[in-house]
């Protein structure tokens, strides 16, 4: 059972003071921060306070009651807008769309908490725009279908009547069906989904959802953000189970992939990096940049991307060269929101979360 933190707003105030104390004040504007709520890879509920004007951040890990604070620098040039964090002897990376979403792969109050995502605490979970179908990735280190070389993706459907359904798939056979997004030809939402439940808006925090499951007594936490141009849905699955991040499938021709997307990624071997994917909207070729944990940057080009026939917010390219290796690449978009995952020889290679850069 997940529990709310009783001193939630007090903790936000303390978090803001930690950010301010860690950085020299340059103006009154420097104390204005953006606050985000979301989840980390082990399934921790997290609160982020980010002040871009002074380059400071604080994370409160609600699950183990730990604080982490630090600083970042912002790239210019090819990686303009990407944040670089140096801590624990290595470089990590982060992306912020101010007042909307924040993601990074730096430590967040627990060992091995290596990829996290938060949505603005000003988001309105009562908005009817959160209803719809989301193509999700499961962010977790747990084995899927019996192997750590597998990863789960799927379709999460959120209904205005206060119910939800979920159907997962995998890159290899097992209890989850072997299927990749470009191979999906069924209806949306899927018929007879494997998981379902109910949701209500948290009566205290209107940016959160309380989510119950029909097959379990656990209560989960949802963090949505939605507009006419795109939506993200975070479902925290509880410690040890990771979290789902879904990007909303839009109607008609609104599913576009274009522009510059910053990302933070994690590899199968726990290596971390970050960078940019730049998509030419006419050719669907992709220019890429990636910085590793030593801040060494490599770049290249691959393409062209194909749009999935049914899941039109997913784009893919098979047998492309990325970072010196031959991989299958999948990119998910919903307006400015972005995520991607890669497989090599049908085994998980990496996944990344991000958003459009300036």
Protein backbone atom coordinates (compact mmCIF):
# COMPACT_ATOMS: atom_id res chain seq x y z
CA UNK A 1 0.00 0.00 0.00
CA UNK A 2 1.39 3.40 -0.95
CA UNK A 3 0.96 6.18 1.63
CA UNK A 4 0.91 9.95 1.16
CA UNK A 5 3.40 12.12 2.98
CA UNK A 6 1.57 14.18 5.58
CA UNK A 7 3.99 17.09 5.48
CA UNK A 8 3.96 17.30 1.69
CA UNK A 9 3.85 21.08 1.31
CA UNK A 10 6.27 21.63 4.17
CA UNK A 11 8.69 19.32 2.38
CA UNK A 12 8.33 21.36 -0.80
CA UNK A 13 9.20 24.50 1.11
CA UNK A 14 12.25 22.82 2.65
CA UNK A 15 13.26 21.49 -0.77
CA UNK A 16 13.09 24.98 -2.24
CA UNK A 17 15.23 26.34 0.59
CA UNK A 18 17.83 23.62 -0.02
CA UNK A 19 18.09 24.61 -3.67
CA UNK A 20 18.41 28.27 -2.78
CA UNK A 21 20.99 27.57 -0.07
CA UNK A 22 23.13 25.51 -2.44
CA UNK A 23 23.45 28.39 -4.94
CA UNK A 24 24.41 32.04 -4.69
CA UNK A 25 21.43 34.34 -5.04
CA UNK A 26 21.77 36.60 -8.09
CA UNK A 27 18.31 38.20 -7.98
CA UNK A 28 14.86 37.77 -6.50
CA UNK A 29 13.99 35.79 -9.63
CA UNK A 30 16.59 33.19 -8.63
CA UNK A 31 14.32 31.87 -5.89
CA UNK A 32 11.50 30.96 -8.30
CA UNK A 33 11.58 27.21 -8.85
CA UNK A 34 9.53 24.62 -10.71
CA UNK A 35 8.18 21.64 -8.81
CA UNK A 36 7.51 18.19 -10.26
CA UNK A 37 6.13 14.90 -8.95
CA UNK A 38 6.77 11.48 -10.41
CA UNK A 39 8.66 8.24 -10.06
CA UNK A 40 12.10 6.62 -10.17
CA UNK A 41 13.29 3.31 -11.59
CA UNK A 42 12.86 1.21 -8.40
CA UNK A 43 9.29 2.49 -8.02
CA UNK A 44 10.02 5.38 -5.66
CA UNK A 45 7.65 8.36 -5.51
CA UNK A 46 9.76 11.49 -6.05
CA UNK A 47 9.41 15.26 -5.77
CA UNK A 48 11.77 17.47 -7.80
CA UNK A 49 12.47 21.16 -7.23
CA UNK A 50 14.41 22.72 -10.13
CA UNK A 51 15.76 26.24 -10.42
CA UNK A 52 17.22 26.73 -13.88
CA UNK A 53 18.27 30.33 -13.24
CA UNK A 54 20.79 29.25 -10.58
CA UNK A 55 21.41 25.72 -11.83
CA UNK A 56 20.21 23.91 -8.70
CA UNK A 57 17.94 20.98 -7.94
CA UNK A 58 16.58 19.08 -4.95
CA UNK A 59 14.93 15.68 -4.93
CA UNK A 60 12.82 14.36 -2.09
CA UNK A 61 12.39 10.58 -2.22
CA UNK A 62 9.03 10.07 -0.57
CA UNK A 63 9.49 6.29 -0.44
CA UNK A 64 12.61 6.26 1.76
CA UNK A 65 12.43 9.85 3.13
CA UNK A 66 15.81 10.86 1.64
CA UNK A 67 16.84 14.23 0.19
CA UNK A 68 19.36 14.77 -2.61
CA UNK A 69 20.42 18.18 -3.86
CA UNK A 70 22.97 19.30 -6.39
CA UNK A 71 23.75 21.55 -9.31
CA UNK A 72 23.83 21.38 -13.08
CA UNK A 73 25.17 23.27 -16.06
CA UNK A 74 23.30 23.80 -19.32
CA UNK A 75 24.83 22.94 -22.66
CA UNK A 76 25.00 25.39 -25.51
CA UNK A 77 25.82 24.56 -29.13
CA UNK A 78 24.74 21.18 -30.51
CA UNK A 79 23.24 20.07 -27.18
CA UNK A 80 21.66 23.41 -26.37
CA UNK A 81 19.25 23.09 -23.43
CA UNK A 82 20.44 19.71 -22.13
CA UNK A 83 21.45 19.71 -18.43
CA UNK A 84 24.71 18.12 -17.27
CA UNK A 85 25.02 16.98 -13.66
CA UNK A 86 28.32 15.97 -12.05
CA UNK A 87 28.01 13.90 -8.88
CA UNK A 88 29.57 10.79 -7.33
CA UNK A 89 32.49 11.00 -9.74
CA UNK A 90 30.47 10.78 -12.96
CA UNK A 91 28.38 12.88 -15.34
CA UNK A 92 24.62 12.49 -15.62
CA UNK A 93 22.03 14.21 -17.80
CA UNK A 94 18.65 15.82 -17.45
CA UNK A 95 15.96 17.56 -19.50
CA UNK A 96 13.40 20.10 -18.34
CA UNK A 97 10.44 21.61 -20.12
CA UNK A 98 9.88 24.33 -17.51
CA UNK A 99 6.53 24.01 -15.81
CA UNK A 100 5.70 20.79 -17.68
CA UNK A 101 8.07 17.83 -17.23
CA UNK A 102 11.50 16.98 -15.83
CA UNK A 103 13.58 13.83 -16.33
CA UNK A 104 17.10 12.68 -15.50
CA UNK A 105 19.34 9.71 -14.75
CA UNK A 106 21.21 11.11 -11.73
CA UNK A 107 20.86 9.47 -8.27
CA UNK A 108 17.63 10.32 -6.47
CA UNK A 109 18.00 9.13 -2.90
CA UNK A 110 18.53 5.43 -3.47
CA UNK A 111 21.31 3.34 -5.00
CA UNK A 112 20.56 2.24 -8.56
CA UNK A 113 17.74 4.76 -8.93
CA UNK A 114 19.02 5.62 -12.36
CA UNK A 115 16.12 6.96 -14.43
CA UNK A 116 13.28 9.14 -13.21
CA UNK A 117 10.52 11.34 -14.56
CA UNK A 118 8.25 13.98 -13.07
CA UNK A 119 5.34 16.12 -14.25
CA UNK A 120 4.48 19.59 -13.00
CA UNK A 121 2.74 19.82 -9.65
CA UNK A 122 0.56 22.48 -11.29
CA UNK A 123 -0.90 19.90 -13.67
CA UNK A 124 -4.63 19.26 -13.31
CA UNK A 125 -5.55 15.59 -12.93
CA UNK A 126 -9.23 16.57 -13.13
CA UNK A 127 -8.80 17.59 -16.77
CA UNK A 128 -10.80 15.53 -19.22
CA UNK A 129 -7.78 15.62 -21.53
CA UNK A 130 -6.04 12.88 -19.55
CA UNK A 131 -8.49 10.30 -20.92
CA UNK A 132 -7.20 8.29 -23.86
CA UNK A 133 -4.77 5.59 -24.97
CA UNK A 134 -1.11 5.77 -23.98
CA UNK A 135 1.74 3.73 -25.43
CA UNK A 136 3.96 3.01 -22.43
CA UNK A 137 7.37 1.71 -21.45
CA UNK A 138 7.98 -0.06 -18.15
CA UNK A 139 11.01 1.49 -16.46
CA UNK A 140 12.50 -1.14 -14.15
CA UNK A 141 15.53 -3.37 -13.71
CA UNK A 142 13.36 -6.40 -13.05
CA UNK A 143 13.50 -9.38 -15.40
CA UNK A 144 10.64 -9.63 -17.89
CA UNK A 145 9.55 -13.03 -19.24
CA UNK A 146 12.39 -14.54 -17.24
CA UNK A 147 15.26 -12.42 -18.55
CA UNK A 148 16.89 -9.07 -17.77
CA UNK A 149 17.49 -8.80 -21.52
CA UNK A 150 13.77 -8.25 -22.06
CA UNK A 151 11.64 -5.16 -21.61
CA UNK A 152 7.93 -4.51 -21.43
CA UNK A 153 5.99 -1.99 -23.44
CA UNK A 154 2.25 -1.81 -23.88
CA UNK A 155 -0.97 0.15 -24.09
CA UNK A 156 -2.53 1.90 -21.08
CA UNK A 157 -6.08 3.17 -21.56
CA UNK A 158 -7.51 5.75 -19.16
CA UNK A 159 -11.26 6.31 -19.26
CA UNK A 160 -13.29 9.33 -18.16
CA UNK A 161 -15.57 7.07 -16.10
CA UNK A 162 -12.78 6.44 -13.58
CA UNK A 163 -11.48 3.12 -14.90
CA UNK A 164 -8.29 2.06 -16.66
CA UNK A 165 -6.96 -0.98 -18.51
CA UNK A 166 -3.47 -2.14 -19.43
CA UNK A 167 -1.98 -4.70 -21.78
CA UNK A 168 1.75 -5.41 -21.89
CA UNK A 169 3.97 -6.92 -24.58
CA UNK A 170 7.63 -7.94 -24.75
CA UNK A 171 10.51 -8.44 -27.17
CA UNK A 172 10.67 -12.16 -26.34
CA UNK A 173 8.28 -14.96 -25.46
CA UNK A 174 6.87 -15.64 -22.00
CA UNK A 175 3.86 -14.67 -19.90
CA UNK A 176 3.75 -11.42 -21.89
CA UNK A 177 3.10 -11.84 -25.62
CA UNK A 178 6.11 -11.40 -27.90
CA UNK A 179 5.27 -8.34 -29.99
CA UNK A 180 6.92 -5.03 -30.87
CA UNK A 181 5.10 -1.75 -31.61
CA UNK A 182 5.58 -1.95 -35.39
CA UNK A 183 4.03 -5.43 -35.35
CA UNK A 184 0.86 -4.33 -33.55
CA UNK A 185 -2.21 -4.70 -35.81
CA UNK A 186 -5.07 -5.13 -33.29
CA UNK A 187 -7.65 -2.65 -32.03
CA UNK A 188 -6.86 0.21 -29.67
CA UNK A 189 -7.54 -0.25 -26.83
CA UNK A 190 -6.76 -3.98 -26.86
CA UNK A 191 -9.64 -6.43 -26.44
CA UNK A 192 -9.61 -8.34 -23.12
CA UNK A 193 -6.63 -6.52 -21.52
CA UNK A 194 -4.71 -8.37 -18.83
CA UNK A 195 -4.88 -5.66 -16.14
CA UNK A 196 -7.50 -3.14 -15.08
CA UNK A 197 -8.63 -0.98 -12.21
CA UNK A 198 -10.13 2.30 -11.08
CA UNK A 199 -8.83 5.79 -10.48
CA UNK A 200 -9.87 8.92 -8.60
CA UNK A 201 -8.23 12.30 -8.21
CA UNK A 202 -6.42 12.61 -4.90
CA UNK A 203 -8.70 14.72 -2.65
CA UNK A 204 -5.71 16.64 -1.27
CA UNK A 205 -3.32 16.94 -4.23
CA UNK A 206 -5.16 17.62 -7.48
CA UNK A 207 -2.11 16.73 -9.59
CA UNK A 208 -2.22 13.09 -8.43
CA UNK A 209 -4.42 10.09 -9.06
CA UNK A 210 -5.13 7.27 -6.61
CA UNK A 211 -5.21 4.08 -8.67
CA UNK A 212 -6.61 0.73 -7.53
CA UNK A 213 -6.17 -2.61 -9.28
CA UNK A 214 -8.81 -5.28 -9.61
CA UNK A 215 -6.23 -8.06 -9.23
CA UNK A 216 -4.35 -6.58 -6.24
CA UNK A 217 -4.90 -4.77 -2.96
CA UNK A 218 -2.00 -2.37 -3.67
CA UNK A 219 -2.88 1.27 -4.22
CA UNK A 220 -0.77 2.96 -6.90
CA UNK A 221 -0.11 6.61 -7.71
CA UNK A 222 -0.67 8.30 -11.06
CA UNK A 223 0.84 11.58 -12.27
CA UNK A 224 -0.71 12.90 -15.52
CA UNK A 225 -0.14 16.05 -17.52
CA UNK A 226 -2.22 16.75 -20.60
CA UNK A 227 -3.05 19.41 -23.17
CA UNK A 228 -4.53 19.50 -26.66
CA UNK A 229 -1.08 18.88 -28.14
CA UNK A 230 0.14 15.93 -26.05
CA UNK A 231 0.00 14.08 -22.75
CA UNK A 232 2.14 12.01 -20.39
CA UNK A 233 0.92 9.50 -17.82
CA UNK A 234 3.14 8.17 -15.02
CA UNK A 235 1.96 5.14 -13.05
CA UNK A 236 4.16 4.41 -10.05
CA UNK A 237 3.98 0.65 -9.40
CA UNK A 238 5.48 0.60 -5.91
CA UNK A 239 9.00 -0.05 -4.65
CA UNK A 240 10.62 -2.96 -6.43
CA UNK A 241 8.25 -2.77 -9.38
CA UNK A 242 9.34 0.39 -11.21
CA UNK A 243 6.97 2.69 -13.06
CA UNK A 244 5.14 3.03 -16.34
CA UNK A 245 5.50 6.11 -18.51
CA UNK A 246 2.96 6.46 -21.27
CA UNK A 247 2.70 8.98 -24.11
CA UNK A 248 -0.80 9.65 -25.41
CA UNK A 249 -1.78 8.47 -28.87
CA UNK A 250 -3.47 11.42 -30.56
CA UNK A 251 -6.27 11.38 -33.12
CA UNK A 252 -5.85 11.98 -36.82
CA UNK A 253 -2.59 13.38 -38.16
CA UNK A 254 -1.56 15.03 -34.88
CA UNK A 255 1.13 12.41 -34.17
CA UNK A 256 4.28 14.09 -35.48
CA UNK A 257 7.95 13.62 -34.77
CA UNK A 258 9.97 16.69 -35.61
CA UNK A 259 12.49 18.99 -34.01
CA UNK A 260 15.13 18.45 -31.34
CA UNK A 261 14.53 16.08 -28.42
CA UNK A 262 16.82 15.91 -25.41
CA UNK A 263 17.03 12.67 -23.47
CA UNK A 264 18.61 10.88 -20.51
CA UNK A 265 19.27 7.19 -21.05
CA UNK A 266 20.29 4.00 -19.24
CA UNK A 267 21.96 1.02 -20.92
CA UNK A 268 21.55 -2.70 -20.22
CA UNK A 269 24.89 -2.60 -18.33
CA UNK A 270 23.67 0.32 -16.13
CA UNK A 271 25.78 2.82 -18.08
CA UNK A 272 24.16 6.24 -18.33
CA UNK A 273 24.29 9.03 -20.89
CA UNK A 274 22.30 11.80 -22.47
CA UNK A 275 22.01 13.74 -25.66
CA UNK A 276 19.80 14.82 -28.51
CA UNK A 277 17.85 13.31 -31.37
CA UNK A 278 17.10 15.73 -34.19
CA UNK A 279 14.46 14.69 -36.74
CA UNK A 280 14.05 16.22 -40.21
CA UNK A 281 10.29 16.17 -40.67
CA UNK A 282 10.44 15.71 -44.45
CA UNK A 283 12.90 12.81 -44.66
CA UNK A 284 12.59 11.25 -41.17
CA UNK A 285 16.36 10.89 -41.02
CA UNK A 286 17.76 11.31 -37.51
CA UNK A 287 20.86 13.17 -36.39
CA UNK A 288 22.00 12.11 -32.95
CA UNK A 289 24.39 13.22 -30.22
CA UNK A 290 25.20 11.26 -27.05
CA UNK A 291 27.41 12.17 -24.10
CA UNK A 292 28.59 9.36 -21.79
CA UNK A 293 29.37 9.30 -18.07
CA UNK A 294 32.75 10.93 -18.82
CA UNK A 295 31.04 13.74 -20.78
CA UNK A 296 32.59 12.49 -24.03
CA UNK A 297 30.27 13.29 -26.95
CA UNK A 298 29.79 11.20 -30.06
CA UNK A 299 27.39 11.92 -32.91
CA UNK A 300 26.06 10.47 -36.14
CA UNK A 301 23.06 9.97 -38.41
CA UNK A 302 20.63 7.14 -39.08
CA UNK A 303 17.28 6.70 -40.78
CA UNK A 304 14.86 6.84 -42.13
CA UNK A 305 12.19 6.45 -39.46
CA UNK A 306 8.95 4.66 -40.25
CA UNK A 307 5.63 5.45 -38.59
CA UNK A 308 3.80 2.49 -37.05
CA UNK A 309 0.61 1.57 -38.87
CA UNK A 310 -1.69 1.44 -35.82
CA UNK A 311 0.28 3.10 -33.01
CA UNK A 312 0.93 6.31 -34.90
CA UNK A 313 2.87 7.99 -32.10
CA UNK A 314 5.59 5.35 -32.41
CA UNK A 315 8.35 5.59 -35.04
CA UNK A 316 10.98 2.96 -35.72
CA UNK A 317 14.04 2.01 -37.73
CA UNK A 318 15.54 -1.49 -37.78
CA UNK A 319 19.18 -2.47 -38.26
CA UNK A 320 20.54 1.04 -37.94
CA UNK A 321 23.99 2.01 -36.63
CA UNK A 322 23.87 3.92 -33.34
CA UNK A 323 26.89 4.50 -31.16
CA UNK A 324 28.88 1.95 -33.15
CA UNK A 325 26.35 -0.88 -32.80
CA UNK A 326 23.56 -2.28 -34.98
CA UNK A 327 20.24 -1.78 -33.20
CA UNK A 328 16.48 -1.64 -33.66
CA UNK A 329 15.30 1.81 -32.61
CA UNK A 330 11.83 2.90 -31.43
CA UNK A 331 10.85 6.51 -30.66
CA UNK A 332 7.59 7.52 -28.95
CA UNK A 333 6.15 11.05 -29.10
CA UNK A 334 3.12 12.95 -27.87
CA UNK A 335 3.44 16.59 -28.78
CA UNK A 336 6.70 17.77 -27.14
CA UNK A 337 7.13 14.66 -24.98
CA UNK A 338 9.57 11.94 -26.02
CA UNK A 339 10.94 8.53 -25.08
CA UNK A 340 12.88 5.83 -26.92
CA UNK A 341 14.19 2.32 -26.51
CA UNK A 342 16.67 0.18 -28.42
CA UNK A 343 17.29 -3.53 -28.89
CA UNK A 344 20.34 -5.36 -30.21
CA UNK A 345 20.01 -8.96 -31.40
CA UNK A 346 16.49 -8.85 -29.96
CA UNK A 347 17.84 -8.06 -26.48
CA UNK A 348 17.37 -4.84 -24.52
CA UNK A 349 20.15 -2.34 -25.16
CA UNK A 350 18.92 0.97 -23.67
CA UNK A 351 16.00 3.26 -23.03
CA UNK A 352 15.74 7.04 -22.72
CA UNK A 353 13.22 9.61 -21.52
CA UNK A 354 13.09 13.23 -22.59
CA UNK A 355 11.28 16.14 -24.16
CA UNK A 356 11.68 18.74 -26.87
CA UNK A 357 14.64 21.06 -26.41
CA UNK A 358 14.48 24.85 -27.01
